[in-house]
C-alpha atoms as a PDB file:
ATOM      1  CA  MET A   1      -0.003  -0.018   0.013  1.00  0.00           C
ATOM      2  CA  LYS A   2       1.435   3.310  -1.033  1.00  0.00           C
ATOM      3  CA  ALA A   3       1.521   6.356   1.234  1.00  0.00           C
ATOM      4  CA  PRO A   4      -1.095   8.863   0.365  1.00  0.00           C
ATOM      5  CA  SER A   5       0.194  11.398  -2.077  1.00  0.00           C
ATOM      6  CA  SER A   6      -0.969  14.240   0.223  1.00  0.00           C
ATOM      7  CA  TRP A   7       1.440  12.999   2.807  1.00  0.00           C
ATOM      8  CA  LEU A   8       4.530  12.602   0.575  1.00  0.00           C
ATOM      9  CA  ALA A   9       5.074  16.393  -0.020  1.00  0.00           C
ATOM     10  CA  PRO A  10       5.275  17.336   3.759  1.00  0.00           C
ATOM     11  CA  LEU A  11       7.249  14.223   4.431  1.00  0.00           C
ATOM     12  CA  ARG A  12       9.821  15.034   1.804  1.00  0.00           C
ATOM     13  CA  TRP A  13      10.260  18.616   3.041  1.00  0.00           C
ATOM     14  CA  LEU A  14      10.432  17.483   6.645  1.00  0.00           C
ATOM     15  CA  LEU A  15      13.183  15.008   5.720  1.00  0.00           C
ATOM     16  CA  TRP A  16      15.095  17.764   3.903  1.00  0.00           C
ATOM     17  CA  ALA A  17      14.865  20.080   6.882  1.00  0.00           C
ATOM     18  CA  THR A  18      15.929  17.256   9.235  1.00  0.00           C
ATOM     19  CA  PHE A  19      18.865  16.475   6.896  1.00  0.00           C
ATOM     20  CA  ALA A  20      19.939  20.124   6.866  1.00  0.00           C
ATOM     21  CA  SER A  21      19.806  20.418  10.568  1.00  0.00           C
ATOM     22  CA  SER A  22      21.911  17.270  11.066  1.00  0.00           C
ATOM     23  CA  ILE A  23      24.534  18.784   8.791  1.00  0.00           C
ATOM     24  CA  LEU A  24      24.705  21.943  10.794  1.00  0.00           C
ATOM     25  CA  HIS A  25      25.050  19.989  14.069  1.00  0.00           C
ATOM     26  CA  TYR A  26      27.501  17.357  12.943  1.00  0.00           C
ATOM     27  CA  VAL A  27      29.715  19.680  10.979  1.00  0.00           C
ATOM     28  CA  ASP A  28      29.939  21.979  14.113  1.00  0.00           C
ATOM     29  CA  ASN A  29      30.378  18.946  16.450  1.00  0.00           C
ATOM     30  CA  VAL A  30      33.366  17.651  14.248  1.00  0.00           C
ATOM     31  CA  LEU A  31      34.922  21.017  13.871  1.00  0.00           C
ATOM     32  CA  MET A  32      34.352  22.220  17.336  1.00  0.00           C
ATOM     33  CA  PHE A  33      34.619  18.739  19.038  1.00  0.00           C
ATOM     34  CA  GLU A  34      36.277  20.021  22.205  1.00  0.00           C
ATOM     35  CA  GLN A  35      33.287  22.238  22.972  1.00  0.00           C
ATOM     36  CA  TYR A  36      30.757  19.422  23.020  1.00  0.00           C
ATOM     37  CA  PRO A  37      30.086  17.351  26.006  1.00  0.00           C
ATOM     38  CA  GLU A  38      30.719  13.795  25.070  1.00  0.00           C
ATOM     39  CA  PRO A  39      31.391  10.327  26.593  1.00  0.00           C
ATOM     40  CA  PRO A  40      35.109   9.556  26.946  1.00  0.00           C
ATOM     41  CA  TRP A  41      35.083   6.807  24.280  1.00  0.00           C
ATOM     42  CA  ILE A  42      33.878   9.114  21.457  1.00  0.00           C
ATOM     43  CA  ASN A  43      36.116  11.098  19.078  1.00  0.00           C
ATOM     44  CA  ARG A  44      35.389  13.196  16.094  1.00  0.00           C
ATOM     45  CA  HIS A  45      35.924  10.318  13.665  1.00  0.00           C
ATOM     46  CA  ILE A  46      33.162   8.266  15.326  1.00  0.00           C
ATOM     47  CA  VAL A  47      30.843  11.345  15.226  1.00  0.00           C
ATOM     48  CA  ASP A  48      31.587  11.777  11.441  1.00  0.00           C
ATOM     49  CA  ALA A  49      31.121   8.186  10.690  1.00  0.00           C
ATOM     50  CA  PHE A  50      27.865   7.945  12.494  1.00  0.00           C
ATOM     51  CA  TRP A  51      26.333  10.832  10.306  1.00  0.00           C
ATOM     52  CA  TRP A  52      27.364   8.814   7.177  1.00  0.00           C
ATOM     53  CA  LEU A  53      25.755   5.726   8.569  1.00  0.00           C
ATOM     54  CA  MET A  54      22.453   7.287   9.653  1.00  0.00           C
ATOM     55  CA  THR A  55      21.763   9.616   6.706  1.00  0.00           C
ATOM     56  CA  PRO A  56      21.035   6.912   4.006  1.00  0.00           C
ATOM     57  CA  LEU A  57      18.194   5.668   6.225  1.00  0.00           C
ATOM     58  CA  ALA A  58      16.215   8.861   5.299  1.00  0.00           C
ATOM     59  CA  TRP A  59      16.668   8.229   1.517  1.00  0.00           C
ATOM     60  CA  PHE A  60      15.879   4.415   1.742  1.00  0.00           C
ATOM     61  CA  GLY A  61      12.843   5.064   4.011  1.00  0.00           C
ATOM     62  CA  TYR A  62      11.318   7.675   1.763  1.00  0.00           C
ATOM     63  CA  ARG A  63      11.849   5.576  -1.383  1.00  0.00           C
ATOM     64  CA  LEU A  64      10.198   2.551   0.342  1.00  0.00           C
ATOM     65  CA  MET A  65       7.173   4.550   1.281  1.00  0.00           C
ATOM     66  CA  ARG A  66       6.828   6.184  -2.190  1.00  0.00           C
ATOM     67  CA  ASN A  67       7.085   2.712  -3.790  1.00  0.00           C
ATOM     68  CA  GLY A  68       4.377   1.184  -1.654  1.00  0.00           C
ATOM     69  CA  ALA A  69       6.394  -0.502   1.137  1.00  0.00           C
ATOM     70  CA  LEU A  70       4.722   1.611   3.787  1.00  0.00           C
ATOM     71  CA  ARG A  71       5.515  -0.423   6.847  1.00  0.00           C
ATOM     72  CA  ALA A  72       9.180  -1.015   6.021  1.00  0.00           C
ATOM     73  CA  GLY A  73       9.582   2.598   5.085  1.00  0.00           C
ATOM     74  CA  THR A  74       8.032   3.869   8.380  1.00  0.00           C
ATOM     75  CA  VAL A  75      10.326   1.732  10.387  1.00  0.00           C
ATOM     76  CA  MET A  76      13.387   2.871   8.410  1.00  0.00           C
ATOM     77  CA  LEU A  77      12.384   6.547   8.915  1.00  0.00           C
ATOM     78  CA  LEU A  78      11.581   6.102  12.566  1.00  0.00           C
ATOM     79  CA  LEU A  79      15.129   4.652  12.951  1.00  0.00           C
ATOM     80  CA  TYR A  80      16.457   7.711  11.292  1.00  0.00           C
ATOM     81  CA  ALA A  81      14.597  10.026  13.519  1.00  0.00           C
ATOM     82  CA  ALA A  82      15.740   8.152  16.561  1.00  0.00           C
ATOM     83  CA  CYS A  83      19.314   8.533  15.395  1.00  0.00           C
ATOM     84  CA  ASN A  84      18.769  12.278  15.199  1.00  0.00           C
ATOM     85  CA  LEU A  85      17.288  12.368  18.735  1.00  0.00           C
ATOM     86  CA  LEU A  86      20.596  10.948  19.975  1.00  0.00           C
ATOM     87  CA  THR A  87      21.788  14.547  19.825  1.00  0.00           C
ATOM     88  CA  LEU A  88      20.055  14.997  23.198  1.00  0.00           C
ATOM     89  CA  GLY A  89      22.637  12.631  24.755  1.00  0.00           C
ATOM     90  CA  HIS A  90      24.972  15.688  24.931  1.00  0.00           C
ATOM     91  CA  TYR A  91      22.974  16.823  27.972  1.00  0.00           C
ATOM     92  CA  ARG A  92      23.823  13.660  29.833  1.00  0.00           C
ATOM     93  CA  TYR A  93      27.468  14.706  30.043  1.00  0.00           C
ATOM     94  CA  ALA A  94      27.235  18.466  31.036  1.00  0.00           C
ATOM     95  CA  PRO A  95      24.780  20.829  32.777  1.00  0.00           C
ATOM     96  CA  MET A  96      22.779  22.936  30.374  1.00  0.00           C
ATOM     97  CA  ASP A  97      24.274  26.187  31.671  1.00  0.00           C
ATOM     98  CA  GLU A  98      27.739  24.975  30.691  1.00  0.00           C
ATOM     99  CA  ILE A  99      26.876  24.482  27.060  1.00  0.00           C
ATOM    100  CA  SER A 100      27.043  27.440  24.662  1.00  0.00           C
ATOM    101  CA  PRO A 101      23.899  28.866  23.082  1.00  0.00           C
ATOM    102  CA  ARG A 102      25.109  27.980  19.525  1.00  0.00           C
ATOM    103  CA  ILE A 103      25.265  24.223  20.529  1.00  0.00           C
ATOM    104  CA  HIS A 104      21.893  24.435  22.255  1.00  0.00           C
ATOM    105  CA  ALA A 105      20.364  25.814  19.035  1.00  0.00           C
ATOM    106  CA  PHE A 106      21.821  23.084  16.899  1.00  0.00           C
ATOM    107  CA  ILE A 107      20.862  20.329  19.334  1.00  0.00           C
ATOM    108  CA  GLY A 108      17.332  21.831  19.790  1.00  0.00           C
ATOM    109  CA  LEU A 109      16.685  22.272  16.044  1.00  0.00           C
ATOM    110  CA  GLU A 110      17.614  18.732  15.191  1.00  0.00           C
ATOM    111  CA  ALA A 111      15.684  17.201  18.077  1.00  0.00           C
ATOM    112  CA  VAL A 112      12.575  19.264  17.364  1.00  0.00           C
ATOM    113  CA  LEU A 113      12.632  18.194  13.631  1.00  0.00           C
ATOM    114  CA  ALA A 114      13.175  14.639  14.631  1.00  0.00           C
ATOM    115  CA  MET A 115      10.189  14.746  16.866  1.00  0.00           C
ATOM    116  CA  ALA A 116       8.057  16.403  14.052  1.00  0.00           C
ATOM    117  CA  LEU A 117       9.116  13.558  11.802  1.00  0.00           C
ATOM    118  CA  ILE A 118       8.039  10.990  14.361  1.00  0.00           C
ATOM    119  CA  THR A 119       4.763  12.709  14.895  1.00  0.00           C
ATOM    120  CA  LEU A 120       4.001  12.818  11.141  1.00  0.00           C
ATOM    121  CA  LEU A 121       4.806   9.115  10.709  1.00  0.00           C
ATOM    122  CA  PHE A 122       2.467   8.154  13.552  1.00  0.00           C
ATOM    123  CA  MET A 123      -0.222  10.347  12.058  1.00  0.00           C
ATOM    124  CA  LEU A 124       0.265   8.583   8.733  1.00  0.00           C
ATOM    125  CA  CYS A 125      -0.077   5.189  10.481  1.00  0.00           C
ATOM    126  CA  ALA A 126      -3.131   6.313  12.319  1.00  0.00           C
ATOM    127  CA  THR A 127      -4.802   7.523   9.108  1.00  0.00           C
ATOM    128  CA  ARG A 128      -4.030   4.269   7.450  1.00  0.00           C
ATOM    129  CA  ASN A 129      -5.439   2.149  10.211  1.00  0.00           C
ATOM    130  CA  THR A 130      -8.494   4.367  10.456  1.00  0.00           C
ATOM    131  CA  ARG A 131      -9.154   3.844   6.727  1.00  0.00           C
ATOM    132  CA  LYS A 132      -8.503   0.032   7.141  1.00  0.00           C
ATOM    133  CA  ALA A 133     -10.761  -0.457  10.245  1.00  0.00           C
ATOM    134  CA  PRO A 134     -12.617   2.601  11.584  1.00  0.00           C
ATOM    135  CA  SER A 135     -12.882   2.828  15.352  1.00  0.00           C
ATOM    136  CA  PRO A 136     -16.026   3.853  17.143  1.00  0.00           C
ATOM    137  CA  PRO A 137     -16.168   7.478  18.267  1.00  0.00           C
ATOM    138  CA  LEU A 138     -15.458   8.378  21.868  1.00  0.00           C
ATOM    139  CA  ASP A 139     -18.703   8.317  23.803  1.00  0.00           C
ATOM    140  CA  GLU A 140     -19.736  11.154  26.150  1.00  0.00           C
ATOM    141  CA  LYS A 141     -19.061   9.327  29.383  1.00  0.00           C
ATOM    142  CA  SER A 142     -15.558   8.469  28.270  1.00  0.00           C
ATOM    143  CA  ARG A 143     -14.963  11.986  26.991  1.00  0.00           C
ATOM    144  CA  SER A 144     -15.976  13.575  30.293  1.00  0.00           C
ATOM    145  CA  ALA A 145     -13.728  11.145  32.327  1.00  0.00           C
ATOM    146  CA  LEU A 146     -10.819  11.851  30.132  1.00  0.00           C
ATOM    147  CA  ILE A 147     -11.237  15.601  30.339  1.00  0.00           C
ATOM    148  CA  ALA A 148     -11.419  15.475  34.033  1.00  0.00           C
ATOM    149  CA  ALA A 149      -8.275  13.191  34.219  1.00  0.00           C
ATOM    150  CA  ASN A 150      -6.210  15.527  32.067  1.00  0.00           C
ATOM    151  CA  ILE A 151      -7.241  18.621  33.891  1.00  0.00           C
ATOM    152  CA  ALA A 152      -6.394  16.986  37.235  1.00  0.00           C
ATOM    153  CA  MET A 153      -2.949  16.016  35.730  1.00  0.00           C
ATOM    154  CA  LEU A 154      -2.294  19.557  34.582  1.00  0.00           C
ATOM    155  CA  LEU A 155      -3.257  20.835  37.965  1.00  0.00           C
ATOM    156  CA  ALA A 156      -1.029  18.329  39.757  1.00  0.00           C
ATOM    157  CA  ILE A 157       1.932  19.473  37.479  1.00  0.00           C
ATOM    158  CA  THR A 158       1.123  23.142  38.282  1.00  0.00           C
ATOM    159  CA  ILE A 159       1.229  22.491  41.981  1.00  0.00           C
ATOM    160  CA  HIS A 160       4.411  20.625  41.703  1.00  0.00           C
ATOM    161  CA  ASP A 161       5.925  23.571  39.809  1.00  0.00           C
ATOM    162  CA  ALA A 162       4.689  25.976  42.428  1.00  0.00           C
ATOM    163  CA  ASP A 163       6.339  23.951  45.018  1.00  0.00           C
ATOM    164  CA  HIS A 164       9.651  24.140  43.039  1.00  0.00           C
ATOM    165  CA  ILE A 165       9.347  27.879  43.032  1.00  0.00           C
ATOM    166  CA  ARG A 166       8.830  27.734  46.812  1.00  0.00           C
ATOM    167  CA  GLN A 167      11.927  25.472  47.179  1.00  0.00           C
ATOM    168  CA  ALA A 168      14.052  27.758  44.888  1.00  0.00           C
ATOM    169  CA  SER A 169      12.962  30.724  47.160  1.00  0.00           C
ATOM    170  CA  GLU A 170      13.977  28.919  50.409  1.00  0.00           C
ATOM    171  CA  TRP A 171      17.247  27.743  48.921  1.00  0.00           C
ATOM    172  CA  CYS A 172      18.136  31.103  47.310  1.00  0.00           C
ATOM    173  CA  TYR A 173      18.359  29.441  43.940  1.00  0.00           C
ATOM    174  CA  THR A 174      17.489  31.249  40.732  1.00  0.00           C
ATOM    175  CA  ILE A 175      15.578  29.236  38.153  1.00  0.00           C
ATOM    176  CA  THR A 176      17.115  29.982  34.798  1.00  0.00           C
ATOM    177  CA  THR A 177      15.254  30.974  31.705  1.00  0.00           C
ATOM    178  CA  THR A 178      16.444  27.748  29.940  1.00  0.00           C
ATOM    179  CA  LEU A 179      14.929  25.678  32.749  1.00  0.00           C
ATOM    180  CA  TRP A 180      11.599  27.455  32.434  1.00  0.00           C
ATOM    181  CA  ILE A 181      11.448  26.714  28.839  1.00  0.00           C
ATOM    182  CA  ILE A 182      12.374  23.037  29.255  1.00  0.00           C
ATOM    183  CA  ASN A 183       9.715  22.751  31.976  1.00  0.00           C
ATOM    184  CA  VAL A 184       7.021  23.784  29.503  1.00  0.00           C
ATOM    185  CA  ALA A 185       7.484  20.473  27.677  1.00  0.00           C
ATOM    186  CA  VAL A 186       6.266  18.610  30.876  1.00  0.00           C
ATOM    187  CA  TYR A 187       2.824  20.031  30.261  1.00  0.00           C
ATOM    188  CA  LEU A 188       2.472  19.016  26.536  1.00  0.00           C
ATOM    189  CA  PRO A 189       1.452  15.308  26.940  1.00  0.00           C
ATOM    190  CA  SER A 190      -1.509  16.181  29.193  1.00  0.00           C
ATOM    191  CA  ALA A 191      -2.297  19.334  27.257  1.00  0.00           C
ATOM    192  CA  GLY A 192      -2.341  17.379  24.023  1.00  0.00           C
ATOM    193  CA  ALA A 193      -4.517  14.599  25.538  1.00  0.00           C
ATOM    194  CA  LEU A 194      -6.930  17.180  26.877  1.00  0.00           C
ATOM    195  CA  THR A 195      -7.220  18.711  23.405  1.00  0.00           C
ATOM    196  CA  LEU A 196      -8.005  15.261  21.873  1.00  0.00           C
ATOM    197  CA  SER A 197     -10.504  14.624  24.685  1.00  0.00           C
ATOM    198  CA  LEU A 198     -12.367  17.993  24.197  1.00  0.00           C
ATOM    199  CA  ARG A 199     -12.597  17.128  20.491  1.00  0.00           C
ATOM    200  CA  GLY A 200     -13.944  13.585  21.251  1.00  0.00           C
ATOM    201  CA  SER A 201     -11.104  12.004  19.321  1.00  0.00           C
ATOM    202  CA  ARG A 202     -10.787   8.195  19.545  1.00  0.00           C
ATOM    203  CA  PHE A 203      -7.034   8.696  20.151  1.00  0.00           C
ATOM    204  CA  ALA A 204      -7.660  10.658  23.424  1.00  0.00           C
ATOM    205  CA  ALA A 205      -7.783   7.519  25.589  1.00  0.00           C
ATOM    206  CA  TRP A 206      -4.391   6.262  24.335  1.00  0.00           C
ATOM    207  CA  ALA A 207      -2.907   9.769  24.677  1.00  0.00           C
ATOM    208  CA  THR A 208      -4.136  10.152  28.204  1.00  0.00           C
ATOM    209  CA  SER A 209      -2.975   6.775  29.491  1.00  0.00           C
ATOM    210  CA  THR A 210       0.411   6.927  27.841  1.00  0.00           C
ATOM    211  CA  GLY A 211       1.135  10.695  28.659  1.00  0.00           C
ATOM    212  CA  ALA A 212       0.031  10.356  32.290  1.00  0.00           C
ATOM    213  CA  LEU A 213       1.982   7.186  33.109  1.00  0.00           C
ATOM    214  CA  LEU A 214       5.101   8.634  31.463  1.00  0.00           C
ATOM    215  CA  ILE A 215       4.938  11.899  33.463  1.00  0.00           C
ATOM    216  CA  ALA A 216       4.387   9.970  36.726  1.00  0.00           C
ATOM    217  CA  ILE A 217       7.321   7.565  35.989  1.00  0.00           C
ATOM    218  CA  LEU A 218       9.737  10.409  34.968  1.00  0.00           C
ATOM    219  CA  PHE A 219       8.887  12.675  37.912  1.00  0.00           C
ATOM    220  CA  ALA A 220       9.380   9.732  40.379  1.00  0.00           C
ATOM    221  CA  LYS A 221      12.679   8.820  38.665  1.00  0.00           C
ATOM    222  CA  VAL A 222      13.988  12.395  38.714  1.00  0.00           C
ATOM    223  CA  HIS A 223      13.208  13.103  42.405  1.00  0.00           C
ATOM    224  CA  LEU A 224      13.761   9.665  43.844  1.00  0.00           C
ATOM    225  CA  TRP A 225      16.865   8.842  41.890  1.00  0.00           C
ATOM    226  CA  LYS A 226      18.336  11.145  39.244  1.00  0.00           C
ATOM    227  CA  PRO A 227      17.345  12.576  35.808  1.00  0.00           C
ATOM    228  CA  THR A 228      18.566  11.004  32.578  1.00  0.00           C
ATOM    229  CA  PHE A 229      19.944  14.460  31.334  1.00  0.00           C
ATOM    230  CA  ASN A 230      21.459  17.046  33.650  1.00  0.00           C
ATOM    231  CA  ALA A 231      18.970  19.600  32.557  1.00  0.00           C
ATOM    232  CA  TRP A 232      17.155  20.382  35.770  1.00  0.00           C
ATOM    233  CA  GLY A 233      19.583  22.690  37.647  1.00  0.00           C
ATOM    234  CA  ILE A 234      19.495  22.095  41.316  1.00  0.00           C
ATOM    235  CA  TRP A 235      16.931  19.326  40.884  1.00  0.00           C
ATOM    236  CA  ASN A 236      19.556  17.125  39.181  1.00  0.00           C
ATOM    237  CA  LYS A 237      19.928  15.947  42.703  1.00  0.00           C
ATOM    238  CA  SER A 238      17.182  13.814  44.333  1.00  0.00           C
ATOM    239  CA  PHE A 239      14.882  14.966  47.016  1.00  0.00           C
ATOM    240  CA  ILE A 240      16.784  12.798  49.505  1.00  0.00           C
ATOM    241  CA  GLU A 241      20.108  14.581  48.592  1.00  0.00           C
ATOM    242  CA  LEU A 242      18.396  17.961  48.714  1.00  0.00           C
ATOM    243  CA  GLY A 243      16.719  17.231  52.071  1.00  0.00           C
ATOM    244  CA  ALA A 244      13.201  18.124  50.693  1.00  0.00           C
ATOM    245  CA  ASP A 245      10.550  18.752  53.406  1.00  0.00           C
ATOM    246  CA  TRP A 246       7.285  16.930  53.887  1.00  0.00           C
ATOM    247  CA  ILE A 247       5.374  19.273  51.743  1.00  0.00           C
ATOM    248  CA  SER A 248       7.459  18.517  48.619  1.00  0.00           C
ATOM    249  CA  TRP A 249       7.205  14.820  49.288  1.00  0.00           C
ATOM    250  CA  ALA A 250       3.446  15.011  49.748  1.00  0.00           C
ATOM    251  CA  ILE A 251       3.087  16.939  46.383  1.00  0.00           C
ATOM    252  CA  LEU A 252       5.337  14.486  44.610  1.00  0.00           C
ATOM    253  CA  THR A 253       3.215  11.588  45.878  1.00  0.00           C
ATOM    254  CA  LEU A 254       0.074  13.422  44.892  1.00  0.00           C
ATOM    255  CA  LEU A 255       1.457  13.884  41.323  1.00  0.00           C
ATOM    256  CA  VAL A 256       2.432  10.259  40.936  1.00  0.00           C
ATOM    257  CA  LEU A 257      -0.915   9.033  42.218  1.00  0.00           C
ATOM    258  CA  VAL A 258      -2.848  11.472  40.010  1.00  0.00           C
ATOM    259  CA  GLY A 259      -0.759  10.175  37.018  1.00  0.00           C
ATOM    260  CA  ILE A 260      -1.559   6.562  37.785  1.00  0.00           C
ATOM    261  CA  ALA A 261      -5.199   7.360  38.128  1.00  0.00           C
ATOM    262  CA  ALA A 262      -5.304   9.321  34.832  1.00  0.00           C
ATOM    263  CA  ALA A 263      -3.464   6.456  33.112  1.00  0.00           C
ATOM    264  CA  MET A 264      -6.065   3.896  34.504  1.00  0.00           C
ATOM    265  CA  THR A 265      -8.824   6.231  33.306  1.00  0.00           C
ATOM    266  CA  GLY A 266      -7.343   6.248  29.880  1.00  0.00           C
ATOM    267  CA  THR A 267      -7.117   2.456  30.013  1.00  0.00           C
ATOM    268  CA  TRP A 268     -10.737   2.161  30.969  1.00  0.00           C
ATOM    269  CA  ALA A 269     -11.781   4.470  28.145  1.00  0.00           C
ATOM    270  CA  MET A 270      -9.761   2.326  25.629  1.00  0.00           C
ATOM    271  CA  GLY A 271     -11.744  -0.725  26.860  1.00  0.00           C
ATOM    272  CA  ARG A 272     -15.057   1.072  26.153  1.00  0.00           C
ATOM    273  CA  LEU A 273     -13.847   1.800  22.575  1.00  0.00           C
ATOM    274  CA  SER A 274     -13.262  -1.930  21.848  1.00  0.00           C
ATOM    275  CA  PRO A 275     -16.324  -3.416  20.036  1.00  0.00           C
ATOM    276  CA  ILE A 276     -18.191  -6.108  22.025  1.00  0.00           C
ATOM    277  CA  GLN A 277     -18.997  -9.191  19.984  1.00  0.00           C
ATOM    278  CA  LYS A 278     -22.535 -10.208  20.740  1.00  0.00           C
ATOM    279  CA  VAL A 279     -23.464 -13.900  20.204  1.00  0.00           C
ATOM    280  CA  ASP A 280     -27.007 -14.757  19.245  1.00  0.00           C
ATOM    281  CA  ALA A 281     -27.905 -17.673  21.503  1.00  0.00           C
ATOM    282  CA  ARG A 282     -30.883 -18.692  19.359  1.00  0.00           C
END
């Protein structure tokens, strides 16, 4: 089955943009290698070789999709996007405030375009599956429950952020502009799921369950252990190391519990979407 022609043009332009952003990042990474935070085993030759290995995936993936091998092409392009997302690995080896704005810009541009590519591919798959086997629309009871779950999730995140502001004030810590911008991303999964719920989209249940569970797990990981990337300023340390008070622990617990409850609500709504096969006993 070929990808719809209406999808090929935006896919092609997005691939060109991602390709261009990877050139900017990798050329700068090779030429200014000493300025980039890297693991000790990497050198500029490995960085250069990796770009030459990953880039053909874009060409082969697009050709496969244009020629009708939609599934194989999608997998190859997802792999290409994942390779571009590896640029975020730089943040694992240095705090964000020690990295130059130029490098932030190159990393951010490549990562955003890779995420856009992944989103476009999932939308294409969803469209294909919808045409193949349409799902029933979201009923009003499920819609109301999902709206409530996502609003509760957004409120819990807001309360948690307010507590971080309180902590920063008590610890005489200044929250950087970069950290404020990064923190906005935390709201996106629940905000997106709420938008789908308000529209009655059949994908709202999946978005609610996945987004809420992801946020609950990530917040618990950051504050109970440590973040994957050193991008959270003073909160790169766990609550135990920081000596957080009972208020912060209570709010973190509330956020995790709300996340689990919202994920369960999404799962319940997904169950209601599944068609029930009725057997005629006669």
